[in-house]
Amino acid sequence: MDTVELKKILISKISEIEDNAFLEALHTILNRKSSDIEKKDYKHYNLDLLKAEEDIENGRLYSHNQIKEKVALWKKR
């Protein structure tokens, strides 16, 4: 399937959609630039890693067993 044919199929299918929320989601996807998203994602990911390393250095962490205990308590609620 070539690009022109694919575009025609997509246009046809989109024109049949009546769900406004779905159309807005498609609009959002089409308006995003993947390179911008990737740059933001990498920056966010790297910031998260730095925060996690800082938490570890400062002893702000839980063992596997501590997490299992917390989950068990949450499930009892």
N, C-alpha and C. Protein backbone atom coordinates (compact mmCIF):
# COMPACT_ATOMS: atom_id res chain seq x y z
N MET A 1 0.85 -1.18 0.00
CA MET A 1 0.00 0.00 0.00
C MET A 1 0.89 1.23 0.00
N ASP A 2 0.66 2.11 -0.93
CA ASP A 2 1.48 3.32 -1.00
C ASP A 2 0.89 4.41 -0.11
N THR A 3 1.62 5.51 0.02
CA THR A 3 1.24 6.59 0.91
C THR A 3 -0.10 7.21 0.53
N VAL A 4 -0.33 7.43 -0.74
CA VAL A 4 -1.57 8.04 -1.20
C VAL A 4 -2.77 7.16 -0.84
N GLU A 5 -2.63 5.88 -1.09
CA GLU A 5 -3.71 4.94 -0.79
C GLU A 5 -3.98 4.88 0.71
N LEU A 6 -2.92 4.84 1.49
CA LEU A 6 -3.06 4.81 2.94
C LEU A 6 -3.77 6.07 3.45
N LYS A 7 -3.40 7.23 2.91
CA LYS A 7 -4.05 8.48 3.30
C LYS A 7 -5.54 8.44 2.99
N LYS A 8 -5.89 7.93 1.83
CA LYS A 8 -7.30 7.85 1.44
C LYS A 8 -8.07 6.96 2.40
N ILE A 9 -7.49 5.83 2.75
CA ILE A 9 -8.14 4.91 3.69
C ILE A 9 -8.33 5.58 5.05
N LEU A 10 -7.28 6.23 5.54
CA LEU A 10 -7.37 6.90 6.84
C LEU A 10 -8.41 8.02 6.83
N ILE A 11 -8.42 8.81 5.78
CA ILE A 11 -9.41 9.89 5.67
C ILE A 11 -10.82 9.32 5.67
N SER A 12 -11.03 8.25 4.95
CA SER A 12 -12.34 7.61 4.89
C SER A 12 -12.76 7.10 6.27
N LYS A 13 -11.85 6.42 6.94
CA LYS A 13 -12.17 5.87 8.26
C LYS A 13 -12.41 6.98 9.28
N ILE A 14 -11.60 8.01 9.24
CA ILE A 14 -11.75 9.12 10.18
C ILE A 14 -13.08 9.82 9.96
N SER A 15 -13.49 9.97 8.71
CA SER A 15 -14.76 10.66 8.41
C SER A 15 -15.96 9.89 8.95
N GLU A 16 -15.81 8.61 9.24
CA GLU A 16 -16.90 7.80 9.77
C GLU A 16 -16.99 7.86 11.30
N ILE A 17 -15.98 8.37 11.95
CA ILE A 17 -15.94 8.40 13.42
C ILE A 17 -16.85 9.50 13.95
N GLU A 18 -17.72 9.14 14.90
CA GLU A 18 -18.63 10.10 15.51
C GLU A 18 -18.21 10.44 16.95
N ASP A 19 -17.29 9.69 17.51
CA ASP A 19 -16.86 9.87 18.90
C ASP A 19 -15.90 11.07 18.99
N ASN A 20 -16.37 12.16 19.58
CA ASN A 20 -15.58 13.39 19.65
C ASN A 20 -14.29 13.19 20.45
N ALA A 21 -14.37 12.44 21.55
CA ALA A 21 -13.18 12.22 22.37
C ALA A 21 -12.11 11.48 21.57
N PHE A 22 -12.54 10.51 20.79
CA PHE A 22 -11.60 9.75 19.96
C PHE A 22 -10.96 10.66 18.91
N LEU A 23 -11.78 11.51 18.31
CA LEU A 23 -11.26 12.44 17.31
C LEU A 23 -10.28 13.43 17.93
N GLU A 24 -10.58 13.89 19.15
CA GLU A 24 -9.65 14.79 19.83
C GLU A 24 -8.33 14.08 20.14
N ALA A 25 -8.42 12.81 20.50
CA ALA A 25 -7.20 12.04 20.75
C ALA A 25 -6.37 11.92 19.48
N LEU A 26 -7.01 11.63 18.38
CA LEU A 26 -6.30 11.57 17.10
C LEU A 26 -5.67 12.91 16.77
N HIS A 27 -6.41 13.97 17.01
CA HIS A 27 -5.90 15.32 16.75
C HIS A 27 -4.64 15.59 17.57
N THR A 28 -4.68 15.20 18.83
CA THR A 28 -3.51 15.37 19.70
C THR A 28 -2.31 14.60 19.17
N ILE A 29 -2.56 13.37 18.78
CA ILE A 29 -1.47 12.53 18.26
C ILE A 29 -0.88 13.15 17.00
N LEU A 30 -1.73 13.61 16.11
CA LEU A 30 -1.25 14.15 14.85
C LEU A 30 -0.53 15.48 15.02
N ASN A 31 -0.86 16.22 16.06
CA ASN A 31 -0.23 17.52 16.27
C ASN A 31 1.10 17.45 17.02
N ARG A 32 1.38 16.32 17.57
CA ARG A 32 2.65 16.17 18.31
C ARG A 32 3.78 15.84 17.35
N LYS A 33 4.92 16.40 17.64
CA LYS A 33 6.11 16.06 16.85
C LYS A 33 6.90 15.05 17.66
N SER A 34 7.19 13.92 17.05
CA SER A 34 7.86 12.85 17.78
C SER A 34 9.21 13.28 18.32
N SER A 35 9.92 14.12 17.58
CA SER A 35 11.24 14.54 18.06
C SER A 35 11.11 15.39 19.32
N ASP A 36 10.07 16.25 19.39
CA ASP A 36 9.85 17.06 20.58
C ASP A 36 9.51 16.16 21.77
N ILE A 37 8.67 15.16 21.52
CA ILE A 37 8.28 14.25 22.58
C ILE A 37 9.50 13.50 23.09
N GLU A 38 10.32 13.00 22.18
CA GLU A 38 11.50 12.26 22.59
C GLU A 38 12.43 13.11 23.43
N LYS A 39 12.64 14.36 23.04
CA LYS A 39 13.51 15.25 23.81
C LYS A 39 12.97 15.46 25.21
N LYS A 40 11.67 15.72 25.31
CA LYS A 40 11.05 15.92 26.62
C LYS A 40 11.12 14.64 27.44
N ASP A 41 10.86 13.50 26.80
CA ASP A 41 10.88 12.23 27.51
C ASP A 41 12.28 11.94 28.06
N TYR A 42 13.31 12.19 27.27
CA TYR A 42 14.67 11.96 27.74
C TYR A 42 15.01 12.87 28.91
N LYS A 43 14.62 14.13 28.80
CA LYS A 43 14.89 15.07 29.90
C LYS A 43 14.17 14.62 31.16
N HIS A 44 12.91 14.27 31.03
CA HIS A 44 12.12 13.83 32.17
C HIS A 44 12.70 12.55 32.76
N TYR A 45 13.05 11.61 31.91
CA TYR A 45 13.64 10.34 32.34
C TYR A 45 14.94 10.59 33.11
N ASN A 46 15.80 11.45 32.57
CA ASN A 46 17.07 11.73 33.23
C ASN A 46 16.86 12.42 34.57
N LEU A 47 15.88 13.32 34.66
CA LEU A 47 15.57 13.96 35.94
C LEU A 47 15.08 12.93 36.95
N ASP A 48 14.24 12.01 36.49
CA ASP A 48 13.76 10.95 37.38
C ASP A 48 14.91 10.09 37.89
N LEU A 49 15.86 9.79 37.01
CA LEU A 49 17.02 9.00 37.43
C LEU A 49 17.85 9.74 38.48
N LEU A 50 18.06 11.03 38.27
CA LEU A 50 18.82 11.82 39.24
C LEU A 50 18.12 11.86 40.58
N LYS A 51 16.80 12.02 40.57
CA LYS A 51 16.03 12.03 41.82
C LYS A 51 16.12 10.67 42.52
N ALA A 52 16.04 9.60 41.75
CA ALA A 52 16.11 8.25 42.32
C ALA A 52 17.48 8.02 42.93
N GLU A 53 18.54 8.44 42.26
CA GLU A 53 19.88 8.28 42.81
C GLU A 53 20.04 9.07 44.11
N GLU A 54 19.45 10.26 44.13
CA GLU A 54 19.50 11.09 45.34
C GLU A 54 18.75 10.40 46.49
N ASP A 55 17.60 9.83 46.18
CA ASP A 55 16.83 9.10 47.19
C ASP A 55 17.64 7.95 47.76
N ILE A 56 18.30 7.19 46.90
CA ILE A 56 19.11 6.06 47.34
C ILE A 56 20.25 6.54 48.24
N GLU A 57 20.95 7.59 47.82
CA GLU A 57 22.06 8.13 48.61
C GLU A 57 21.60 8.60 49.99
N ASN A 58 20.37 9.10 50.07
CA ASN A 58 19.85 9.62 51.33
C ASN A 58 19.04 8.59 52.12
N GLY A 59 19.08 7.34 51.68
CA GLY A 59 18.41 6.28 52.41
C GLY A 59 16.90 6.25 52.26
N ARG A 60 16.38 6.98 51.30
CA ARG A 60 14.93 6.99 51.07
C ARG A 60 14.58 5.87 50.09
N LEU A 61 14.53 4.66 50.63
CA LEU A 61 14.21 3.51 49.80
C LEU A 61 13.56 2.44 50.66
N TYR A 62 12.95 1.46 50.03
CA TYR A 62 12.29 0.36 50.71
C TYR A 62 12.85 -0.95 50.19
N SER A 63 12.92 -1.92 51.09
CA SER A 63 13.34 -3.26 50.67
C SER A 63 12.15 -3.94 49.98
N HIS A 64 12.43 -5.03 49.33
CA HIS A 64 11.38 -5.79 48.65
C HIS A 64 10.33 -6.24 49.67
N ASN A 65 10.78 -6.73 50.82
CA ASN A 65 9.84 -7.19 51.85
C ASN A 65 9.00 -6.05 52.39
N GLN A 66 9.58 -4.87 52.56
CA GLN A 66 8.81 -3.72 53.03
C GLN A 66 7.70 -3.37 52.03
N ILE A 67 8.01 -3.43 50.78
CA ILE A 67 7.01 -3.14 49.75
C ILE A 67 5.91 -4.19 49.78
N LYS A 68 6.29 -5.45 49.92
CA LYS A 68 5.29 -6.51 49.99
C LYS A 68 4.35 -6.29 51.17
N GLU A 69 4.90 -5.85 52.32
CA GLU A 69 4.08 -5.57 53.50
C GLU A 69 3.13 -4.40 53.23
N LYS A 70 3.62 -3.36 52.58
CA LYS A 70 2.78 -2.20 52.24
C LYS A 70 1.64 -2.61 51.31
N VAL A 71 1.95 -3.42 50.33
CA VAL A 71 0.93 -3.88 49.39
C VAL A 71 -0.13 -4.71 50.12
N ALA A 72 0.32 -5.57 51.01
CA ALA A 72 -0.62 -6.39 51.79
C ALA A 72 -1.54 -5.50 52.61
N LEU A 73 -1.01 -4.44 53.20
CA LEU A 73 -1.85 -3.51 53.98
C LEU A 73 -2.86 -2.79 53.09
N TRP A 74 -2.41 -2.37 51.89
CA TRP A 74 -3.30 -1.67 50.97
C TRP A 74 -4.45 -2.58 50.52
N LYS A 75 -4.12 -3.85 50.33
CA LYS A 75 -5.14 -4.79 49.87
C LYS A 75 -6.22 -5.02 50.94
N LYS A 76 -5.86 -4.84 52.21
CA LYS A 76 -6.82 -5.05 53.30
C LYS A 76 -7.82 -3.90 53.41
N ARG A 77 -7.49 -2.77 52.82
CA ARG A 77 -8.38 -1.60 52.92
C ARG A 77 -9.66 -1.79 52.19
